[in-house]
C-alpha cells in the first residue's frame, strides 16, 4: 500500500464558505476577467445518500471570456482555494 500524502494549506487571511454570497464580484488576477457569483447549489443533490458538494455558478466577463466560457461552475472548495491562494480576489466597493 502506498502511503497517502496529505497537504494542509494555511492562509493568514482566510476566506470561508460563509463569506461567499450571491452577487459577490471576484476577479481572476491572471486573466483580469471579472465574475459574479450567481447561485450556490449542491452538485450531489440527486444522490441522497452522500453528503453535499457545494458549487457556485459564476457569470464571467473580461478579456479572456467568450460565449463558451461565460458561465462556469466552480466547486466551493476550489473557489475558496483559489481566493485564499491569491489566484482570485474578492472585489470590494472601494476597488
PDB file of N, CA and C in Angstrom:
ATOM      1  N   UNK A   1       0.844  -1.174   0.000  1.00  0.00           N
ATOM      2  CA  UNK A   1       0.000   0.000   0.000  1.00  0.00           C
ATOM      3  C   UNK A   1       0.891   1.240   0.000  1.00  0.00           C
ATOM      4  N   UNK A   2       0.563   2.186  -0.850  1.00  0.00           N
ATOM      5  CA  UNK A   2       1.306   3.441  -0.950  1.00  0.00           C
ATOM      6  C   UNK A   2       0.757   4.415   0.079  1.00  0.00           C
ATOM      7  N   UNK A   3       1.631   5.000   0.906  1.00  0.00           N
ATOM      8  CA  UNK A   3       1.134   5.974   1.885  1.00  0.00           C
ATOM      9  C   UNK A   3       0.592   7.223   1.197  1.00  0.00           C
ATOM     10  N   UNK A   4      -0.448   7.766   1.752  1.00  0.00           N
ATOM     11  CA  UNK A   4      -1.068   8.968   1.197  1.00  0.00           C
ATOM     12  C   UNK A   4      -0.357  10.198   1.741  1.00  0.00           C
ATOM     13  N   UNK A   5      -0.176  11.156   0.879  1.00  0.00           N
ATOM     14  CA  UNK A   5       0.412  12.430   1.268  1.00  0.00           C
ATOM     15  C   UNK A   5      -0.717  13.429   1.442  1.00  0.00           C
ATOM     16  N   UNK A   6      -0.825  13.987   2.607  1.00  0.00           N
ATOM     17  CA  UNK A   6      -1.872  14.962   2.892  1.00  0.00           C
ATOM     18  C   UNK A   6      -1.207  16.314   3.100  1.00  0.00           C
ATOM     19  N   UNK A   7      -1.643  17.277   2.337  1.00  0.00           N
ATOM     20  CA  UNK A   7      -1.107  18.630   2.455  1.00  0.00           C
ATOM     21  C   UNK A   7      -2.232  19.530   2.946  1.00  0.00           C
ATOM     22  N   UNK A   8      -1.983  20.199   4.032  1.00  0.00           N
ATOM     23  CA  UNK A   8      -2.949  21.152   4.559  1.00  0.00           C
ATOM     24  C   UNK A   8      -2.442  22.552   4.264  1.00  0.00           C
ATOM     25  N   UNK A   9      -3.281  23.348   3.640  1.00  0.00           N
ATOM     26  CA  UNK A   9      -2.903  24.710   3.310  1.00  0.00           C
ATOM     27  C   UNK A   9      -3.413  25.636   4.421  1.00  0.00           C
ATOM     28  N   UNK A  10      -2.581  26.585   4.819  1.00  0.00           N
ATOM     29  CA  UNK A  10      -2.994  27.567   5.799  1.00  0.00           C
ATOM     30  C   UNK A  10      -2.702  28.938   5.220  1.00  0.00           C
ATOM     31  N   UNK A  11      -3.666  29.813   5.333  1.00  0.00           N
ATOM     32  CA  UNK A  11      -3.521  31.161   4.813  1.00  0.00           C
ATOM     33  C   UNK A  11      -3.745  32.145   5.949  1.00  0.00           C
ATOM     34  N   UNK A  12      -2.921  33.180   6.003  1.00  0.00           N
ATOM     35  CA  UNK A  12      -3.036  34.183   7.055  1.00  0.00           C
ATOM     36  C   UNK A  12      -4.391  34.869   7.003  1.00  0.00           C
ATOM     37  N   UNK A  13      -4.811  35.277   5.825  1.00  0.00           N
ATOM     38  CA  UNK A  13      -6.134  35.868   5.642  1.00  0.00           C
ATOM     39  C   UNK A  13      -6.957  34.812   4.922  1.00  0.00           C
ATOM     40  N   UNK A  14      -7.957  34.295   5.590  1.00  0.00           N
ATOM     41  CA  UNK A  14      -8.695  33.174   5.030  1.00  0.00           C
ATOM     42  C   UNK A  14     -10.142  33.553   4.734  1.00  0.00           C
ATOM     43  N   UNK A  15     -10.571  33.238   3.520  1.00  0.00           N
ATOM     44  CA  UNK A  15     -11.965  33.393   3.139  1.00  0.00           C
ATOM     45  C   UNK A  15     -12.636  32.047   3.340  1.00  0.00           C
ATOM     46  N   UNK A  16     -13.785  32.040   3.984  1.00  0.00           N
ATOM     47  CA  UNK A  16     -14.523  30.819   4.282  1.00  0.00           C
ATOM     48  C   UNK A  16     -15.799  30.760   3.458  1.00  0.00           C
ATOM     49  N   UNK A  17     -16.421  29.587   3.443  1.00  0.00           N
ATOM     50  CA  UNK A  17     -17.662  29.392   2.688  1.00  0.00           C
ATOM     51  C   UNK A  17     -18.727  30.402   3.111  1.00  0.00           C
ATOM     52  N   UNK A  18     -18.768  30.744   4.379  1.00  0.00           N
ATOM     53  CA  UNK A  18     -19.769  31.692   4.882  1.00  0.00           C
ATOM     54  C   UNK A  18     -19.553  33.100   4.335  1.00  0.00           C
ATOM     55  N   UNK A  19     -18.361  33.380   3.829  1.00  0.00           N
ATOM     56  CA  UNK A  19     -18.046  34.708   3.288  1.00  0.00           C
ATOM     57  C   UNK A  19     -18.553  34.900   1.856  1.00  0.00           C
ATOM     58  N   UNK A  20     -18.846  33.799   1.163  1.00  0.00           N
ATOM     59  CA  UNK A  20     -19.296  33.879  -0.225  1.00  0.00           C
ATOM     60  C   UNK A  20     -20.804  34.069  -0.269  1.00  0.00           C
ATOM     61  N   UNK A  21     -21.255  35.049  -1.045  1.00  0.00           N
ATOM     62  CA  UNK A  21     -22.688  35.316  -1.176  1.00  0.00           C
ATOM     63  C   UNK A  21     -23.021  35.604  -2.641  1.00  0.00           C
ATOM     64  N   UNK A  22     -24.236  35.284  -3.020  1.00  0.00           N
ATOM     65  CA  UNK A  22     -24.687  35.589  -4.377  1.00  0.00           C
ATOM     66  C   UNK A  22     -24.587  37.097  -4.606  1.00  0.00           C
ATOM     67  N   UNK A  23     -24.106  37.484  -5.776  1.00  0.00           N
ATOM     68  CA  UNK A  23     -23.913  38.889  -6.107  1.00  0.00           C
ATOM     69  C   UNK A  23     -22.500  39.380  -5.858  1.00  0.00           C
ATOM     70  N   UNK A  24     -21.693  38.592  -5.162  1.00  0.00           N
ATOM     71  CA  UNK A  24     -20.313  38.978  -4.887  1.00  0.00           C
ATOM     72  C   UNK A  24     -19.521  38.973  -6.193  1.00  0.00           C
ATOM     73  N   UNK A  25     -18.612  39.934  -6.329  1.00  0.00           N
ATOM     74  CA  UNK A  25     -17.785  40.060  -7.523  1.00  0.00           C
ATOM     75  C   UNK A  25     -16.373  39.582  -7.195  1.00  0.00           C
ATOM     76  N   UNK A  26     -15.838  38.727  -8.077  1.00  0.00           N
ATOM     77  CA  UNK A  26     -14.468  38.251  -7.927  1.00  0.00           C
ATOM     78  C   UNK A  26     -13.700  38.562  -9.203  1.00  0.00           C
ATOM     79  N   UNK A  27     -12.360  38.609  -9.080  1.00  0.00           N
ATOM     80  CA  UNK A  27     -11.516  38.905 -10.240  1.00  0.00           C
ATOM     81  C   UNK A  27     -10.419  37.865 -10.340  1.00  0.00           C
ATOM     82  N   UNK A  28     -10.234  37.349 -11.539  1.00  0.00           N
ATOM     83  CA  UNK A  28      -9.129  36.443 -11.838  1.00  0.00           C
ATOM     84  C   UNK A  28      -7.890  37.318 -12.028  1.00  0.00           C
ATOM     85  N   UNK A  29      -6.893  37.164 -11.169  1.00  0.00           N
ATOM     86  CA  UNK A  29      -5.745  38.064 -11.208  1.00  0.00           C
ATOM     87  C   UNK A  29      -4.829  37.804 -12.404  1.00  0.00           C
ATOM     88  N   UNK A  30      -4.934  36.643 -13.029  1.00  0.00           N
ATOM     89  CA  UNK A  30      -4.099  36.340 -14.185  1.00  0.00           C
ATOM     90  C   UNK A  30      -4.733  36.870 -15.468  1.00  0.00           C
ATOM     91  N   UNK A  31      -6.008  36.575 -15.682  1.00  0.00           N
ATOM     92  CA  UNK A  31      -6.668  36.980 -16.930  1.00  0.00           C
ATOM     93  C   UNK A  31      -7.340  38.347 -16.837  1.00  0.00           C
ATOM     94  N   UNK A  32      -7.539  38.855 -15.635  1.00  0.00           N
ATOM     95  CA  UNK A  32      -8.266  40.096 -15.353  1.00  0.00           C
ATOM     96  C   UNK A  32      -9.760  39.989 -15.639  1.00  0.00           C
ATOM     97  N   UNK A  33     -10.263  38.775 -15.862  1.00  0.00           N
ATOM     98  CA  UNK A  33     -11.699  38.584 -16.008  1.00  0.00           C
ATOM     99  C   UNK A  33     -12.382  38.835 -14.671  1.00  0.00           C
ATOM    100  N   UNK A  34     -13.614  39.287 -14.738  1.00  0.00           N
ATOM    101  CA  UNK A  34     -14.408  39.568 -13.545  1.00  0.00           C
ATOM    102  C   UNK A  34     -15.628  38.659 -13.569  1.00  0.00           C
ATOM    103  N   UNK A  35     -15.944  38.065 -12.413  1.00  0.00           N
ATOM    104  CA  UNK A  35     -17.085  37.168 -12.335  1.00  0.00           C
ATOM    105  C   UNK A  35     -18.022  37.555 -11.212  1.00  0.00           C
ATOM    106  N   UNK A  36     -19.280  37.234 -11.390  1.00  0.00           N
ATOM    107  CA  UNK A  36     -20.304  37.462 -10.360  1.00  0.00           C
ATOM    108  C   UNK A  36     -20.805  36.107  -9.891  1.00  0.00           C
ATOM    109  N   UNK A  37     -20.795  35.900  -8.583  1.00  0.00           N
ATOM    110  CA  UNK A  37     -21.348  34.662  -8.027  1.00  0.00           C
ATOM    111  C   UNK A  37     -22.862  34.726  -8.173  1.00  0.00           C
ATOM    112  N   UNK A  38     -23.419  33.797  -8.941  1.00  0.00           N
ATOM    113  CA  UNK A  38     -24.838  33.816  -9.248  1.00  0.00           C
ATOM    114  C   UNK A  38     -25.645  32.959  -8.278  1.00  0.00           C
ATOM    115  N   UNK A  39     -25.253  31.697  -8.145  1.00  0.00           N
ATOM    116  CA  UNK A  39     -26.075  30.770  -7.362  1.00  0.00           C
ATOM    117  C   UNK A  39     -25.203  29.678  -6.771  1.00  0.00           C
ATOM    118  N   UNK A  40     -25.455  29.355  -5.508  1.00  0.00           N
ATOM    119  CA  UNK A  40     -24.790  28.230  -4.832  1.00  0.00           C
ATOM    120  C   UNK A  40     -25.726  27.036  -4.907  1.00  0.00           C
ATOM    121  N   UNK A  41     -25.187  25.876  -5.259  1.00  0.00           N
ATOM    122  CA  UNK A  41     -26.031  24.684  -5.352  1.00  0.00           C
ATOM    123  C   UNK A  41     -25.240  23.437  -4.979  1.00  0.00           C
ATOM    124  N   UNK A  42     -25.976  22.395  -4.604  1.00  0.00           N
ATOM    125  CA  UNK A  42     -25.391  21.122  -4.227  1.00  0.00           C
ATOM    126  C   UNK A  42     -25.287  20.239  -5.461  1.00  0.00           C
ATOM    127  N   UNK A  43     -24.077  19.965  -5.889  1.00  0.00           N
ATOM    128  CA  UNK A  43     -23.845  19.136  -7.069  1.00  0.00           C
ATOM    129  C   UNK A  43     -24.402  17.728  -6.859  1.00  0.00           C
ATOM    130  N   UNK A  44     -24.409  17.259  -5.644  1.00  0.00           N
ATOM    131  CA  UNK A  44     -24.814  15.886  -5.339  1.00  0.00           C
ATOM    132  C   UNK A  44     -26.263  15.783  -4.857  1.00  0.00           C
ATOM    133  N   UNK A  45     -27.061  16.783  -5.116  1.00  0.00           N
ATOM    134  CA  UNK A  45     -28.436  16.814  -4.604  1.00  0.00           C
ATOM    135  C   UNK A  45     -29.242  15.576  -5.008  1.00  0.00           C
ATOM    136  N   UNK A  46     -29.065  15.091  -6.206  1.00  0.00           N
ATOM    137  CA  UNK A  46     -29.818  13.927  -6.670  1.00  0.00           C
ATOM    138  C   UNK A  46     -29.360  12.630  -6.005  1.00  0.00           C
ATOM    139  N   UNK A  47     -28.201  12.649  -5.404  1.00  0.00           N
ATOM    140  CA  UNK A  47     -27.648  11.475  -4.732  1.00  0.00           C
ATOM    141  C   UNK A  47     -27.886  11.633  -3.234  1.00  0.00           C
ATOM    142  N   UNK A  48     -29.044  11.258  -2.780  1.00  0.00           N
ATOM    143  CA  UNK A  48     -29.443  11.475  -1.395  1.00  0.00           C
ATOM    144  C   UNK A  48     -28.596  10.796  -0.349  1.00  0.00           C
ATOM    145  N   UNK A  49     -27.825   9.799  -0.727  1.00  0.00           N
ATOM    146  CA  UNK A  49     -27.065   9.026   0.253  1.00  0.00           C
ATOM    147  C   UNK A  49     -25.669   9.581   0.520  1.00  0.00           C
ATOM    148  N   UNK A  50     -25.287  10.617  -0.167  1.00  0.00           N
ATOM    149  CA  UNK A  50     -23.955  11.198   0.030  1.00  0.00           C
ATOM    150  C   UNK A  50     -24.088  12.632   0.521  1.00  0.00           C
ATOM    151  N   UNK A  51     -23.032  13.110   1.137  1.00  0.00           N
ATOM    152  CA  UNK A  51     -23.049  14.474   1.641  1.00  0.00           C
ATOM    153  C   UNK A  51     -23.012  15.490   0.514  1.00  0.00           C
ATOM    154  N   UNK A  52     -23.269  16.747   0.844  1.00  0.00           N
ATOM    155  CA  UNK A  52     -23.308  17.787  -0.188  1.00  0.00           C
ATOM    156  C   UNK A  52     -21.919  18.133  -0.722  1.00  0.00           C
ATOM    157  N   UNK A  53     -21.862  18.475  -1.982  1.00  0.00           N
ATOM    158  CA  UNK A  53     -20.687  19.067  -2.619  1.00  0.00           C
ATOM    159  C   UNK A  53     -21.185  20.378  -3.210  1.00  0.00           C
ATOM    160  N   UNK A  54     -20.800  21.478  -2.586  1.00  0.00           N
ATOM    161  CA  UNK A  54     -21.321  22.784  -2.987  1.00  0.00           C
ATOM    162  C   UNK A  54     -20.524  23.352  -4.138  1.00  0.00           C
ATOM    163  N   UNK A  55     -21.238  24.011  -5.039  1.00  0.00           N
ATOM    164  CA  UNK A  55     -20.619  24.670  -6.194  1.00  0.00           C
ATOM    165  C   UNK A  55     -21.293  26.022  -6.391  1.00  0.00           C
ATOM    166  N   UNK A  56     -20.611  26.886  -7.139  1.00  0.00           N
ATOM    167  CA  UNK A  56     -21.135  28.209  -7.471  1.00  0.00           C
ATOM    168  C   UNK A  56     -21.218  28.358  -8.976  1.00  0.00           C
ATOM    169  N   UNK A  57     -22.345  28.839  -9.444  1.00  0.00           N
ATOM    170  CA  UNK A  57     -22.487  29.247 -10.840  1.00  0.00           C
ATOM    171  C   UNK A  57     -21.930  30.663 -10.905  1.00  0.00           C
ATOM    172  N   UNK A  58     -20.998  30.893 -11.837  1.00  0.00           N
ATOM    173  CA  UNK A  58     -20.342  32.194 -11.951  1.00  0.00           C
ATOM    174  C   UNK A  58     -20.502  32.707 -13.376  1.00  0.00           C
ATOM    175  N   UNK A  59     -20.919  33.949 -13.511  1.00  0.00           N
ATOM    176  CA  UNK A  59     -21.033  34.621 -14.810  1.00  0.00           C
ATOM    177  C   UNK A  59     -19.798  35.500 -14.974  1.00  0.00           C
ATOM    178  N   UNK A  60     -19.020  35.243 -16.038  1.00  0.00           N
ATOM    179  CA  UNK A  60     -17.749  35.928 -16.264  1.00  0.00           C
ATOM    180  C   UNK A  60     -17.836  36.932 -17.401  1.00  0.00           C
ATOM    181  N   UNK A  61     -17.015  37.968 -17.312  1.00  0.00           N
ATOM    182  CA  UNK A  61     -16.811  38.909 -18.401  1.00  0.00           C
ATOM    183  C   UNK A  61     -15.362  39.384 -18.338  1.00  0.00           C
ATOM    184  N   UNK A  62     -14.827  39.785 -19.475  1.00  0.00           N
ATOM    185  CA  UNK A  62     -13.455  40.281 -19.495  1.00  0.00           C
ATOM    186  C   UNK A  62     -12.714  39.841 -20.731  1.00  0.00           C
ATOM    187  N   UNK A  63     -11.423  40.139 -20.784  1.00  0.00           N
ATOM    188  CA  UNK A  63     -10.643  39.899 -21.995  1.00  0.00           C
ATOM    189  C   UNK A  63     -10.513  38.426 -22.385  1.00  0.00           C
ATOM    190  N   UNK A  64     -10.592  37.505 -21.443  1.00  0.00           N
ATOM    191  CA  UNK A  64     -10.439  36.079 -21.758  1.00  0.00           C
ATOM    192  C   UNK A  64     -11.771  35.349 -21.857  1.00  0.00           C
ATOM    193  N   UNK A  65     -12.869  36.071 -21.753  1.00  0.00           N
ATOM    194  CA  UNK A  65     -14.193  35.457 -21.766  1.00  0.00           C
ATOM    195  C   UNK A  65     -14.757  35.432 -23.178  1.00  0.00           C
ATOM    196  N   UNK A  66     -15.381  34.310 -23.512  1.00  0.00           N
ATOM    197  CA  UNK A  66     -16.075  34.184 -24.794  1.00  0.00           C
ATOM    198  C   UNK A  66     -17.408  33.470 -24.537  1.00  0.00           C
ATOM    199  N   UNK A  67     -18.253  33.299 -25.554  1.00  0.00           N
ATOM    200  CA  UNK A  67     -19.562  32.672 -25.321  1.00  0.00           C
ATOM    201  C   UNK A  67     -19.484  31.261 -24.734  1.00  0.00           C
ATOM    202  N   UNK A  68     -18.376  30.562 -24.951  1.00  0.00           N
ATOM    203  CA  UNK A  68     -18.245  29.196 -24.442  1.00  0.00           C
ATOM    204  C   UNK A  68     -17.944  29.169 -22.948  1.00  0.00           C
ATOM    205  N   UNK A  69     -17.107  30.068 -22.446  1.00  0.00           N
ATOM    206  CA  UNK A  69     -16.705  30.012 -21.038  1.00  0.00           C
ATOM    207  C   UNK A  69     -17.317  31.122 -20.189  1.00  0.00           C
ATOM    208  N   UNK A  70     -18.361  31.744 -20.678  1.00  0.00           N
ATOM    209  CA  UNK A  70     -19.004  32.855 -19.958  1.00  0.00           C
ATOM    210  C   UNK A  70     -19.676  32.394 -18.659  1.00  0.00           C
ATOM    211  N   UNK A  71     -20.297  31.228 -18.680  1.00  0.00           N
ATOM    212  CA  UNK A  71     -20.947  30.663 -17.493  1.00  0.00           C
ATOM    213  C   UNK A  71     -20.162  29.437 -17.057  1.00  0.00           C
ATOM    214  N   UNK A  72     -19.514  29.523 -15.899  1.00  0.00           N
ATOM    215  CA  UNK A  72     -18.689  28.423 -15.430  1.00  0.00           C
ATOM    216  C   UNK A  72     -19.021  28.067 -13.990  1.00  0.00           C
ATOM    217  N   UNK A  73     -19.244  26.791 -13.715  1.00  0.00           N
ATOM    218  CA  UNK A  73     -19.404  26.378 -12.327  1.00  0.00           C
ATOM    219  C   UNK A  73     -18.039  26.116 -11.689  1.00  0.00           C
ATOM    220  N   UNK A  74     -17.919  26.434 -10.431  1.00  0.00           N
ATOM    221  CA  UNK A  74     -16.721  26.132  -9.647  1.00  0.00           C
ATOM    222  C   UNK A  74     -17.174  25.461  -8.364  1.00  0.00           C
ATOM    223  N   UNK A  75     -16.474  24.408  -7.954  1.00  0.00           N
ATOM    224  CA  UNK A  75     -16.793  23.858  -6.640  1.00  0.00           C
ATOM    225  C   UNK A  75     -16.409  24.908  -5.601  1.00  0.00           C
ATOM    226  N   UNK A  76     -17.145  24.932  -4.516  1.00  0.00           N
ATOM    227  CA  UNK A  76     -16.888  25.924  -3.472  1.00  0.00           C
ATOM    228  C   UNK A  76     -15.481  25.761  -2.902  1.00  0.00           C
ATOM    229  N   UNK A  77     -15.053  24.510  -2.683  1.00  0.00           N
ATOM    230  CA  UNK A  77     -13.702  24.286  -2.155  1.00  0.00           C
ATOM    231  C   UNK A  77     -12.639  24.774  -3.125  1.00  0.00           C
ATOM    232  N   UNK A  78     -12.840  24.532  -4.417  1.00  0.00           N
ATOM    233  CA  UNK A  78     -11.888  25.005  -5.412  1.00  0.00           C
ATOM    234  C   UNK A  78     -11.835  26.518  -5.483  1.00  0.00           C
ATOM    235  N   UNK A  79     -13.002  27.149  -5.439  1.00  0.00           N
ATOM    236  CA  UNK A  79     -13.078  28.606  -5.476  1.00  0.00           C
ATOM    237  C   UNK A  79     -12.401  29.215  -4.255  1.00  0.00           C
ATOM    238  N   UNK A  80     -12.676  28.659  -3.080  1.00  0.00           N
ATOM    239  CA  UNK A  80     -12.039  29.161  -1.856  1.00  0.00           C
ATOM    240  C   UNK A  80     -10.528  28.973  -1.905  1.00  0.00           C
ATOM    241  N   UNK A  81     -10.087  27.849  -2.445  1.00  0.00           N
ATOM    242  CA  UNK A  81      -8.650  27.613  -2.572  1.00  0.00           C
ATOM    243  C   UNK A  81      -7.986  28.651  -3.462  1.00  0.00           C
ATOM    244  N   UNK A  82      -8.636  28.986  -4.583  1.00  0.00           N
ATOM    245  CA  UNK A  82      -8.065  29.989  -5.488  1.00  0.00           C
ATOM    246  C   UNK A  82      -8.077  31.382  -4.869  1.00  0.00           C
ATOM    247  N   UNK A  83      -9.133  31.711  -4.131  1.00  0.00           N
ATOM    248  CA  UNK A  83      -9.190  33.022  -3.462  1.00  0.00           C
ATOM    249  C   UNK A  83      -8.117  33.103  -2.391  1.00  0.00           C
ATOM    250  N   UNK A  84      -8.025  32.083  -1.559  1.00  0.00           N
ATOM    251  CA  UNK A  84      -7.066  32.106  -0.452  1.00  0.00           C
ATOM    252  C   UNK A  84      -5.613  32.006  -0.913  1.00  0.00           C
ATOM    253  N   UNK A  85      -5.384  31.429  -2.093  1.00  0.00           N
ATOM    254  CA  UNK A  85      -4.031  31.343  -2.644  1.00  0.00           C
ATOM    255  C   UNK A  85      -3.637  32.606  -3.400  1.00  0.00           C
ATOM    256  N   UNK A  86      -4.600  33.513  -3.635  1.00  0.00           N
ATOM    257  CA  UNK A  86      -4.300  34.747  -4.335  1.00  0.00           C
ATOM    258  C   UNK A  86      -4.494  34.664  -5.843  1.00  0.00           C
ATOM    259  N   UNK A  87      -4.996  33.551  -6.345  1.00  0.00           N
ATOM    260  CA  UNK A  87      -5.246  33.393  -7.791  1.00  0.00           C
ATOM    261  C   UNK A  87      -6.482  34.181  -8.213  1.00  0.00           C
ATOM    262  N   UNK A  88      -7.441  34.316  -7.298  1.00  0.00           N
ATOM    263  CA  UNK A  88      -8.621  35.157  -7.494  1.00  0.00           C
ATOM    264  C   UNK A  88      -8.742  36.054  -6.282  1.00  0.00           C
ATOM    265  N   UNK A  89      -9.389  37.195  -6.494  1.00  0.00           N
ATOM    266  CA  UNK A  89      -9.583  38.106  -5.371  1.00  0.00           C
ATOM    267  C   UNK A  89     -11.024  38.612  -5.354  1.00  0.00           C
ATOM    268  N   UNK A  90     -11.482  38.893  -4.162  1.00  0.00           N
ATOM    269  CA  UNK A  90     -12.825  39.442  -3.982  1.00  0.00           C
ATOM    270  C   UNK A  90     -12.745  40.937  -4.217  1.00  0.00           C
ATOM    271  N   UNK A  91     -13.626  41.449  -5.060  1.00  0.00           N
ATOM    272  CA  UNK A  91     -13.684  42.890  -5.326  1.00  0.00           C
ATOM    273  C   UNK A  91     -14.616  43.535  -4.311  1.00  0.00           C
ATOM    274  N   UNK A  92     -14.169  44.610  -3.747  1.00  0.00           N
ATOM    275  CA  UNK A  92     -14.968  45.342  -2.763  1.00  0.00           C
ATOM    276  C   UNK A  92     -15.452  46.651  -3.369  1.00  0.00           C
ATOM    277  N   UNK A  93     -16.382  47.295  -2.720  1.00  0.00           N
ATOM    278  CA  UNK A  93     -16.967  48.533  -3.228  1.00  0.00           C
ATOM    279  C   UNK A  93     -15.926  49.597  -3.535  1.00  0.00           C
ATOM    280  N   UNK A  94     -14.833  49.612  -2.785  1.00  0.00           N
ATOM    281  CA  UNK A  94     -13.831  50.648  -2.970  1.00  0.00           C
ATOM    282  C   UNK A  94     -12.763  50.278  -3.997  1.00  0.00           C
ATOM    283  N   UNK A  95     -12.878  49.099  -4.653  1.00  0.00           N
ATOM    284  CA  UNK A  95     -11.894  48.668  -5.665  1.00  0.00           C
ATOM    285  C   UNK A  95     -12.153  49.334  -6.998  1.00  0.00           C
TER     286      UNK A  95
END
